[in-house]
Amino acid sequence: MSTEESQAESKFVPVEKSLLHVTDDQRQVALERCESYTADIADYLEARERIPCGLNLAEQYAQSRRRVLDVLGGTEDDWQDWRWHVRHTITDVETLAQIVELSDAEQDQIRAVEARYRWGISPYFASLTDRTDRTCPIRMQAIPSILEVQDQTVESDPETVIYNSPAPLITRLYPDRLVINVTNACTMFCRHCLRRRHIGHENVIYARKDVAQALDYIREHPEIRDVLITGGDAFSLSDERIDWILTELDEIPHVEIKRLGTRTLAVLPMRVTDGLCEMLARHGPLYLNTQLNHPKEVTEDVRRAADKLTRAGVLLGNQAVLLRGINADRHVMKKLMQDCLRVKIRPYYIFNCKKLEGIGHFRASIEDGLNIMEYLRNYTSGLAVPTYICTLPNGRGKTPVMPQYLVNINADGKARFRSWQGYIVDYDDAKRDADAAEGSG
């Protein structure tokens, strides 16, 4: 049936004669309610203008890109080659000091940090860094701080690796899913990294025979339906190595989905090449989780990379980390979640930053995280509201934490809720299955 024929069979009715008709008095009530909704986010609308957003900084980033290329001796063609970025990862203070402003004291502090912890910044991510602002959220994630070595926190969570690895390279904490750690390499070493003690100072691609043993373990356990390939960063591997692993998983009947863990969308989006996407398109259903922590990271380059991946059938999610001084602010986090959606990346998790050596200065409280979640809920679309997660020590896994809206459940069939605006509302509950069965008997 053509559109014209379909419309001819339909009955056009003025809205005032339809079930959607409201009176002028009812419309006035609606207008007043909508004005109150606008008032509810007035503070965000004002704050949003002060939050730097990568999608609005293209010109500034272009100038910075040219500065980085001048320092590293690269061309515009080089900039589009992810391998060039990897070869020119910034790992020495002298080069970094040509790109961002560093005092002599700051340079000495970075050298003190690198004696204990590895660091490295992709040229792309360096181009997002403010040259002079020490509070730039990109800078704080990328450039070592003396606070890292002043933190004397003792890591007390060895069981996650030691007692949850039933086969080489595998971490298994849950009944139906597990992780294969394929490399320790990353295209940038984030200063808040939870795995810094396992990164070392040299890149390692784990041997094919060890990955094969991990794959054998999965074959032998039919309850495993979901496999995450990570490291390090999964996209630090070659396309050929990723293709081999995914092909092996495709041939295991009980593996229903594969996942990739990578931060390259944020720190080196040029890694998402046409060739990579053509290969990934052969291995669905495939999910990819990245990590964007501030709106400055959501750039046009990220948008292009996300678009390529989604066209290849890869479903994208974001796992932000709650970081003091970077995104532990309800307005910043809301803007980040909304900007992720703008580039086709679904907010998935916000992780509370764990208590581990060298990253204590990044930690925000659980209460800070709950206040952010309370603000996100219904003050923006549900698509923009991730799950807030605390990763428990001793390998006890990811545990969701959320504001409480259910006040109580009464025996008389009523449930009492606190609405997102703070109203207390009674709700008629259904009978439990057991109660219903007893009543019918």
Protein backbone atom coordinates (compact mmCIF):
# COMPACT_ATOMS: atom_id res chain seq x y z
CA MET A 1 0.00 0.00 0.00
CA SER A 2 1.39 3.39 -0.98
CA THR A 3 1.72 6.27 1.44
CA GLU A 4 -1.04 8.13 -0.40
CA GLU A 5 -3.39 5.13 -0.18
CA SER A 6 -2.62 4.68 3.50
CA GLN A 7 -3.37 8.33 4.21
CA ALA A 8 -6.58 8.16 2.16
CA GLU A 9 -7.82 5.34 4.40
CA SER A 10 -6.91 7.27 7.52
CA LYS A 11 -9.27 9.76 9.06
CA PHE A 12 -7.80 13.21 9.59
CA VAL A 13 -9.22 14.63 12.85
CA PRO A 14 -8.49 18.04 14.40
CA VAL A 15 -6.79 17.58 17.75
CA GLU A 16 -9.62 19.39 19.59
CA LYS A 17 -11.95 16.56 18.53
CA SER A 18 -9.54 13.77 19.44
CA LEU A 19 -8.61 11.91 22.62
CA LEU A 20 -5.59 14.19 22.92
CA HIS A 21 -7.69 17.28 23.41
CA VAL A 22 -7.10 19.28 26.61
CA THR A 23 -8.96 22.30 27.85
CA ASP A 24 -7.43 25.74 28.24
CA ASP A 25 -7.35 25.26 32.02
CA GLN A 26 -5.57 21.93 31.64
CA ARG A 27 -3.14 23.48 29.20
CA GLN A 28 -2.33 26.19 31.74
CA VAL A 29 -1.50 23.54 34.33
CA ALA A 30 0.79 21.86 31.81
CA LEU A 31 2.52 25.13 30.99
CA GLU A 32 3.18 25.81 34.67
CA ARG A 33 4.56 22.31 35.16
CA CYS A 34 6.87 22.71 32.17
CA GLU A 35 8.13 26.02 33.54
CA SER A 36 9.03 24.20 36.76
CA TYR A 37 10.96 21.61 34.73
CA THR A 38 12.94 24.37 33.05
CA ALA A 39 13.67 25.86 36.47
CA ASP A 40 14.89 22.45 37.66
CA ILE A 41 17.78 22.52 35.16
CA ALA A 42 18.45 26.25 35.09
CA ASP A 43 21.66 25.75 37.06
CA TYR A 44 22.88 23.18 34.54
CA LEU A 45 22.02 25.36 31.55
CA GLU A 46 24.15 28.11 33.08
CA ALA A 47 27.00 25.77 34.09
CA ARG A 48 27.03 24.10 30.68
CA GLU A 49 28.31 27.29 29.07
CA ARG A 50 31.43 27.12 31.26
CA ILE A 51 32.23 23.44 30.64
CA PRO A 52 34.79 22.99 27.83
CA CYS A 53 33.41 20.59 25.25
CA GLY A 54 35.57 18.89 22.64
CA LEU A 55 32.87 19.12 19.98
CA ASN A 56 33.13 22.92 20.25
CA LEU A 57 36.94 23.15 20.35
CA ALA A 58 37.86 22.01 16.83
CA GLU A 59 39.74 25.19 15.95
CA GLN A 60 41.68 25.23 19.21
CA TYR A 61 42.57 21.57 18.83
CA ALA A 62 43.72 22.16 15.24
CA GLN A 63 46.18 24.81 16.43
CA SER A 64 47.43 22.49 19.14
CA ARG A 65 47.77 19.65 16.63
CA ARG A 66 50.04 21.80 14.46
CA ARG A 67 52.18 22.62 17.51
CA VAL A 68 52.54 18.92 18.39
CA LEU A 69 53.41 18.06 14.79
CA ASP A 70 56.09 20.77 14.73
CA VAL A 71 57.65 19.40 17.92
CA LEU A 72 57.58 15.78 16.73
CA GLY A 73 58.49 16.50 13.12
CA GLY A 74 55.31 15.06 11.66
CA THR A 75 52.95 15.92 8.82
CA GLU A 76 49.18 16.06 8.50
CA ASP A 77 49.33 12.68 6.74
CA ASP A 78 51.30 11.28 9.69
CA TRP A 79 48.58 12.51 12.05
CA GLN A 80 46.04 10.20 10.42
CA ASP A 81 48.33 7.17 10.86
CA TRP A 82 47.80 5.56 14.26
CA ARG A 83 51.11 3.73 14.00
CA TRP A 84 52.89 7.10 13.73
CA HIS A 85 51.26 8.12 17.01
CA VAL A 86 52.39 4.90 18.68
CA ARG A 87 55.96 5.36 17.43
CA HIS A 88 55.94 8.95 18.69
CA THR A 89 54.33 8.36 22.08
CA ILE A 90 55.67 11.12 24.33
CA THR A 91 57.73 9.48 27.07
CA ASP A 92 60.38 12.06 27.96
CA VAL A 93 60.10 15.29 29.90
CA GLU A 94 62.08 17.35 27.41
CA THR A 95 59.63 16.64 24.57
CA LEU A 96 56.62 17.15 26.78
CA ALA A 97 57.96 20.52 27.94
CA GLN A 98 57.89 21.74 24.33
CA ILE A 99 54.19 20.94 24.08
CA VAL A 100 52.86 22.10 27.46
CA GLU A 101 54.22 24.58 29.94
CA LEU A 102 56.27 22.84 32.65
CA SER A 103 58.29 24.52 35.36
CA ASP A 104 61.68 23.12 36.34
CA ALA A 105 60.09 21.77 39.53
CA GLU A 106 57.35 20.02 37.55
CA GLN A 107 59.91 18.45 35.25
CA ASP A 108 61.85 17.12 38.24
CA GLN A 109 58.62 15.76 39.73
CA ILE A 110 57.77 13.88 36.54
CA ARG A 111 61.22 12.30 36.59
CA ALA A 112 60.64 11.24 40.19
CA VAL A 113 57.34 9.61 39.22
CA GLU A 114 58.74 7.78 36.19
CA ALA A 115 61.26 6.02 38.42
CA ARG A 116 58.28 4.12 39.89
CA TYR A 117 55.47 4.32 37.34
CA ARG A 118 55.40 4.21 33.59
CA TRP A 119 53.97 7.13 31.65
CA GLY A 120 53.34 7.87 28.01
CA ILE A 121 51.03 10.24 26.14
CA SER A 122 49.80 9.81 22.57
CA PRO A 123 50.42 12.87 20.37
CA TYR A 124 46.66 13.04 19.77
CA PHE A 125 45.81 13.21 23.47
CA ALA A 126 48.62 15.71 24.02
CA SER A 127 46.94 17.95 21.43
CA LEU A 128 43.83 18.10 23.63
CA THR A 129 45.83 19.31 26.62
CA ASP A 130 45.71 22.96 27.61
CA ARG A 131 49.22 24.37 27.31
CA THR A 132 49.16 26.42 30.52
CA ASP A 133 46.20 25.32 32.67
CA ARG A 134 47.38 22.88 35.35
CA THR A 135 43.76 21.97 36.12
CA CYS A 136 42.99 20.93 32.53
CA PRO A 137 41.17 17.56 32.84
CA ILE A 138 43.18 16.14 29.94
CA ARG A 139 46.45 17.19 31.51
CA MET A 140 45.51 15.71 34.89
CA GLN A 141 44.78 12.33 33.30
CA ALA A 142 47.92 12.28 31.15
CA ILE A 143 50.81 14.03 32.91
CA PRO A 144 52.40 12.44 36.01
CA SER A 145 51.90 14.23 39.32
CA ILE A 146 54.18 14.12 42.35
CA LEU A 147 51.08 13.10 44.31
CA GLU A 148 51.49 9.64 42.78
CA VAL A 149 54.70 8.92 44.69
CA GLN A 150 53.58 10.75 47.81
CA ASP A 151 50.63 8.35 48.09
CA GLN A 152 51.70 5.61 50.49
CA THR A 153 48.53 3.54 50.12
CA VAL A 154 49.36 -0.15 50.10
CA GLU A 155 47.58 -2.16 47.45
CA SER A 156 45.65 -4.80 49.34
CA ASP A 157 43.85 -6.47 46.45
CA PRO A 158 46.16 -9.17 45.04
CA GLU A 159 43.41 -11.78 44.98
CA THR A 160 41.77 -10.28 41.87
CA VAL A 161 44.66 -11.55 39.75
CA ILE A 162 46.18 -14.35 41.79
CA TYR A 163 43.11 -16.31 42.88
CA ASN A 164 40.78 -15.68 39.94
CA SER A 165 42.89 -16.95 37.04
CA PRO A 166 41.92 -20.57 36.29
CA ALA A 167 43.94 -20.54 33.04
CA PRO A 168 46.70 -18.34 31.57
CA LEU A 169 45.63 -14.73 30.91
CA ILE A 170 42.10 -15.30 32.22
CA THR A 171 40.40 -13.40 35.02
CA ARG A 172 37.06 -14.92 36.02
CA LEU A 173 34.89 -13.31 38.70
CA TYR A 174 31.39 -14.25 37.51
CA PRO A 175 29.42 -17.38 36.55
CA ASP A 176 28.89 -16.81 32.82
CA ARG A 177 31.61 -14.43 31.67
CA LEU A 178 35.33 -13.82 31.90
CA VAL A 179 38.23 -11.66 30.72
CA ILE A 180 41.19 -12.53 28.50
CA ASN A 181 44.10 -10.16 29.22
CA VAL A 182 45.87 -10.17 25.85
CA THR A 183 48.52 -7.48 26.45
CA ASN A 184 49.81 -4.94 28.96
CA ALA A 185 50.30 -2.34 26.20
CA CYS A 186 48.26 0.86 25.94
CA THR A 187 48.37 3.80 23.57
CA MET A 188 48.46 6.04 26.65
CA PHE A 189 49.12 5.31 30.32
CA CYS A 190 46.41 7.04 32.30
CA ARG A 191 47.48 8.46 35.63
CA HIS A 192 44.43 6.96 37.37
CA CYS A 193 45.01 3.45 35.95
CA LEU A 194 43.89 0.68 38.31
CA ARG A 195 46.31 -1.79 36.71
CA ARG A 196 49.48 0.27 36.88
CA ARG A 197 51.32 -2.35 38.92
CA HIS A 198 50.78 -4.89 36.14
CA ILE A 199 51.79 -2.54 33.31
CA GLY A 200 55.52 -2.55 34.03
CA HIS A 201 57.87 -0.50 31.90
CA GLU A 202 57.83 -2.47 28.64
CA ASN A 203 55.06 -3.44 26.25
CA VAL A 204 54.24 -7.14 26.16
CA ILE A 205 51.99 -8.94 23.69
CA TYR A 206 51.27 -12.26 25.37
CA ALA A 207 52.31 -15.39 23.52
CA ARG A 208 49.93 -17.10 21.13
CA LYS A 209 50.25 -20.38 23.07
CA ASP A 210 49.03 -18.66 26.27
CA VAL A 211 46.05 -17.12 24.48
CA ALA A 212 45.35 -20.56 23.01
CA GLN A 213 45.23 -22.05 26.51
CA ALA A 214 42.78 -19.33 27.55
CA LEU A 215 40.63 -20.21 24.54
CA ASP A 216 40.81 -23.90 25.46
CA TYR A 217 39.52 -23.11 28.94
CA ILE A 218 36.53 -21.29 27.40
CA ARG A 219 35.83 -24.28 25.10
CA GLU A 220 35.78 -26.58 28.10
CA HIS A 221 33.28 -24.46 30.05
CA PRO A 222 29.91 -24.23 28.28
CA GLU A 223 28.55 -21.82 30.90
CA ILE A 224 30.79 -19.06 29.50
CA ARG A 225 28.65 -17.03 27.09
CA ASP A 226 30.39 -13.62 27.22
CA VAL A 227 34.12 -12.98 26.71
CA LEU A 228 35.88 -9.63 27.19
CA ILE A 229 39.20 -9.09 25.39
CA THR A 230 41.26 -6.44 27.16
CA GLY A 231 44.65 -5.81 28.74
CA GLY A 232 46.20 -3.25 28.62
CA ASP A 233 44.25 -2.17 25.58
CA ALA A 234 42.77 -4.66 23.13
CA PHE A 235 43.42 -2.32 20.20
CA SER A 236 47.14 -2.36 20.96
CA LEU A 237 47.10 -5.69 19.13
CA SER A 238 47.36 -5.89 15.37
CA ASP A 239 44.22 -6.37 13.30
CA GLU A 240 45.45 -9.86 12.48
CA ARG A 241 45.84 -10.90 16.12
CA ILE A 242 42.41 -9.51 17.04
CA ASP A 243 40.89 -11.29 14.04
CA TRP A 244 42.44 -14.61 15.11
CA ILE A 245 41.10 -14.36 18.66
CA LEU A 246 37.61 -13.35 17.53
CA THR A 247 37.55 -16.13 14.92
CA GLU A 248 38.43 -18.69 17.57
CA LEU A 249 35.66 -17.37 19.82
CA ASP A 250 33.18 -17.38 16.91
CA GLU A 251 33.74 -21.12 16.57
CA ILE A 252 32.84 -21.86 20.21
CA PRO A 253 29.09 -22.56 20.14
CA HIS A 254 28.30 -21.37 23.68
CA VAL A 255 30.06 -17.98 23.32
CA GLU A 256 27.16 -15.70 22.49
CA ILE A 257 28.86 -12.29 22.52
CA LYS A 258 32.35 -10.85 22.45
CA ARG A 259 33.48 -7.61 24.00
CA LEU A 260 36.53 -5.41 23.44
CA GLY A 261 37.99 -3.12 26.10
CA THR A 262 39.87 -0.16 24.63
CA ARG A 263 40.50 3.47 25.41
CA THR A 264 41.76 4.22 21.91
CA LEU A 265 38.52 5.99 21.00
CA ALA A 266 39.45 8.61 23.61
CA VAL A 267 43.24 8.71 23.32
CA LEU A 268 43.94 7.62 19.72
CA PRO A 269 40.76 7.51 17.60
CA MET A 270 42.87 7.13 14.43
CA ARG A 271 43.32 3.50 15.45
CA VAL A 272 39.78 2.91 14.18
CA THR A 273 40.68 2.37 10.54
CA ASP A 274 38.51 1.18 7.68
CA GLY A 275 40.44 -2.09 7.68
CA LEU A 276 39.84 -2.65 11.39
CA CYS A 277 36.12 -2.01 10.99
CA GLU A 278 35.85 -4.34 7.98
CA MET A 279 37.40 -7.09 10.09
CA LEU A 280 35.23 -6.42 13.17
CA ALA A 281 32.09 -6.48 11.01
CA ARG A 282 32.69 -10.21 10.45
CA HIS A 283 32.52 -11.05 14.14
CA GLY A 284 29.17 -9.88 15.49
CA PRO A 285 27.57 -9.66 17.92
CA LEU A 286 30.43 -7.49 19.13
CA TYR A 287 30.42 -4.88 21.88
CA LEU A 288 33.09 -2.29 22.61
CA ASN A 289 33.51 -0.33 25.83
CA THR A 290 35.75 2.70 25.90
CA GLN A 291 36.56 5.31 28.57
CA LEU A 292 35.73 8.99 28.14
CA ASN A 293 36.01 10.93 31.38
CA HIS A 294 35.40 14.56 30.42
CA PRO A 295 33.50 16.42 27.67
CA LYS A 296 36.83 17.75 26.33
CA GLU A 297 37.58 14.19 25.19
CA VAL A 298 34.45 13.92 23.05
CA THR A 299 35.85 15.37 19.83
CA GLU A 300 35.04 15.26 16.13
CA ASP A 301 37.73 12.59 15.79
CA VAL A 302 35.91 10.49 18.37
CA ARG A 303 32.64 11.07 16.53
CA ARG A 304 34.17 9.81 13.27
CA ALA A 305 35.67 6.74 14.94
CA ALA A 306 32.38 5.90 16.67
CA ASP A 307 30.49 6.34 13.41
CA LYS A 308 32.80 3.89 11.62
CA LEU A 309 32.39 1.30 14.36
CA THR A 310 28.62 1.56 14.55
CA ARG A 311 28.38 1.26 10.76
CA ALA A 312 30.36 -1.98 11.16
CA GLY A 313 27.73 -3.23 13.60
CA VAL A 314 29.80 -2.73 16.76
CA LEU A 315 27.76 -1.55 19.75
CA LEU A 316 29.52 1.10 21.85
CA GLY A 317 29.45 1.82 25.56
CA ASN A 318 31.35 4.18 27.86
CA GLN A 319 32.89 3.30 31.22
CA ALA A 320 33.83 6.56 32.93
CA VAL A 321 35.81 6.68 36.17
CA LEU A 322 34.69 9.12 38.88
CA LEU A 323 37.75 11.37 39.30
CA ARG A 324 38.20 14.21 41.77
CA GLY A 325 39.00 17.47 40.02
CA ILE A 326 38.04 16.06 36.61
CA ASN A 327 34.44 14.89 36.55
CA ALA A 328 33.27 14.58 40.18
CA ASP A 329 30.77 17.32 39.46
CA ARG A 330 27.13 16.75 38.55
CA HIS A 331 27.11 19.25 35.70
CA VAL A 332 30.35 17.99 34.14
CA MET A 333 29.22 14.38 34.36
CA LYS A 334 25.82 15.19 32.88
CA LYS A 335 27.45 17.01 29.97
CA LEU A 336 29.79 14.06 29.44
CA MET A 337 26.94 11.57 29.36
CA GLN A 338 24.94 13.69 26.93
CA ASP A 339 27.94 14.25 24.65
CA CYS A 340 28.64 10.51 24.59
CA LEU A 341 25.14 9.95 23.27
CA ARG A 342 25.68 12.64 20.64
CA VAL A 343 28.48 10.52 19.15
CA LYS A 344 26.60 7.17 19.44
CA ILE A 345 28.31 5.92 22.60
CA ARG A 346 25.89 4.70 25.28
CA PRO A 347 26.86 5.53 28.89
CA TYR A 348 27.35 2.15 30.59
CA TYR A 349 29.23 2.50 33.88
CA ILE A 350 30.63 5.15 36.19
CA PHE A 351 33.29 3.46 38.30
CA ASN A 352 34.16 4.67 41.76
CA CYS A 353 37.94 5.08 41.84
CA LYS A 354 39.44 2.32 43.99
CA LYS A 355 41.86 2.79 46.86
CA LEU A 356 45.10 1.75 45.22
CA GLU A 357 48.67 2.96 45.44
CA GLY A 358 49.45 6.14 43.52
CA ILE A 359 45.93 7.25 42.65
CA GLY A 360 44.51 8.38 46.00
CA HIS A 361 44.39 12.02 44.89
CA PHE A 362 41.82 11.09 42.24
CA ARG A 363 39.38 9.43 44.63
CA ALA A 364 35.94 10.96 45.20
CA SER A 365 33.58 9.66 47.85
CA ILE A 366 30.74 7.24 47.21
CA GLU A 367 28.41 9.98 48.43
CA ASP A 368 29.76 12.26 45.68
CA GLY A 369 28.92 9.57 43.16
CA LEU A 370 25.44 9.02 44.56
CA ASN A 371 24.71 12.75 44.42
CA ILE A 372 25.69 12.73 40.75
CA MET A 373 23.47 9.71 40.06
CA GLU A 374 20.57 11.39 41.89
CA TYR A 375 21.02 14.42 39.65
CA LEU A 376 21.23 12.41 36.44
CA ARG A 377 18.10 10.42 37.15
CA ASN A 378 15.24 12.13 35.28
CA TYR A 379 17.16 15.41 34.97
CA THR A 380 18.33 13.93 31.70
CA SER A 381 17.13 11.07 29.49
CA GLY A 382 17.41 7.53 30.80
CA LEU A 383 19.80 6.70 27.97
CA ALA A 384 22.28 9.10 29.57
CA VAL A 385 22.13 7.46 33.02
CA PRO A 386 24.79 4.76 33.50
CA THR A 387 25.15 2.35 36.43
CA TYR A 388 27.35 3.57 39.28
CA ILE A 389 29.77 0.80 40.28
CA CYS A 390 32.05 0.08 43.21
CA THR A 391 34.53 -2.71 42.45
CA LEU A 392 34.84 -4.59 45.72
CA PRO A 393 38.21 -5.79 47.07
CA ASN A 394 39.37 -9.42 47.19
CA GLY A 395 37.91 -10.14 43.77
CA ARG A 396 34.29 -9.74 44.88
CA GLY A 397 33.35 -8.00 41.67
CA LYS A 398 31.44 -4.98 40.42
CA THR A 399 28.60 -3.92 42.70
CA PRO A 400 25.99 -1.33 41.68
CA VAL A 401 25.25 1.57 44.01
CA MET A 402 22.20 3.73 43.42
CA PRO A 403 19.99 6.30 45.15
CA GLN A 404 17.05 4.73 46.97
CA TYR A 405 13.65 5.64 45.60
CA LEU A 406 11.64 2.82 47.19
CA VAL A 407 10.87 3.98 50.72
CA ASN A 408 9.07 0.82 51.85
CA ILE A 409 6.76 -2.01 50.80
CA ASN A 410 3.71 -2.43 53.03
CA ALA A 411 1.90 -5.68 53.72
CA ASP A 412 -1.40 -4.16 52.57
CA GLY A 413 -0.32 -4.11 48.93
CA LYS A 414 1.05 -0.58 48.86
CA ALA A 415 4.55 0.48 47.93
CA ARG A 416 5.79 3.93 48.90
CA PHE A 417 8.19 5.78 46.63
CA ARG A 418 10.18 8.99 46.64
CA SER A 419 9.90 10.52 43.16
CA TRP A 420 12.84 12.10 41.37
CA GLN A 421 11.51 15.52 42.42
CA GLY A 422 11.16 14.45 46.06
CA TYR A 423 7.42 13.74 46.21
CA ILE A 424 6.28 10.82 48.38
CA VAL A 425 3.84 8.71 46.37
CA ASP A 426 1.92 5.51 47.22
CA TYR A 427 1.77 2.87 44.51
CA ASP A 428 -0.58 -0.11 44.28
CA ASP A 429 1.58 -3.22 44.25
CA ALA A 430 0.69 -6.60 42.77
CA LYS A 431 0.54 -9.69 44.93
CA ARG A 432 3.64 -11.86 45.12
CA ASP A 433 3.39 -15.10 43.14
CA ALA A 434 3.37 -17.11 46.37
CA ASP A 435 0.58 -15.01 47.90
CA ALA A 436 -1.48 -15.17 44.71
CA ALA A 437 -1.13 -18.95 44.54
CA GLU A 438 -2.15 -19.35 48.20
CA GLY A 439 -5.24 -17.14 47.64
CA SER A 440 -6.36 -19.14 44.63
CA GLY A 441 -5.98 -22.39 46.54
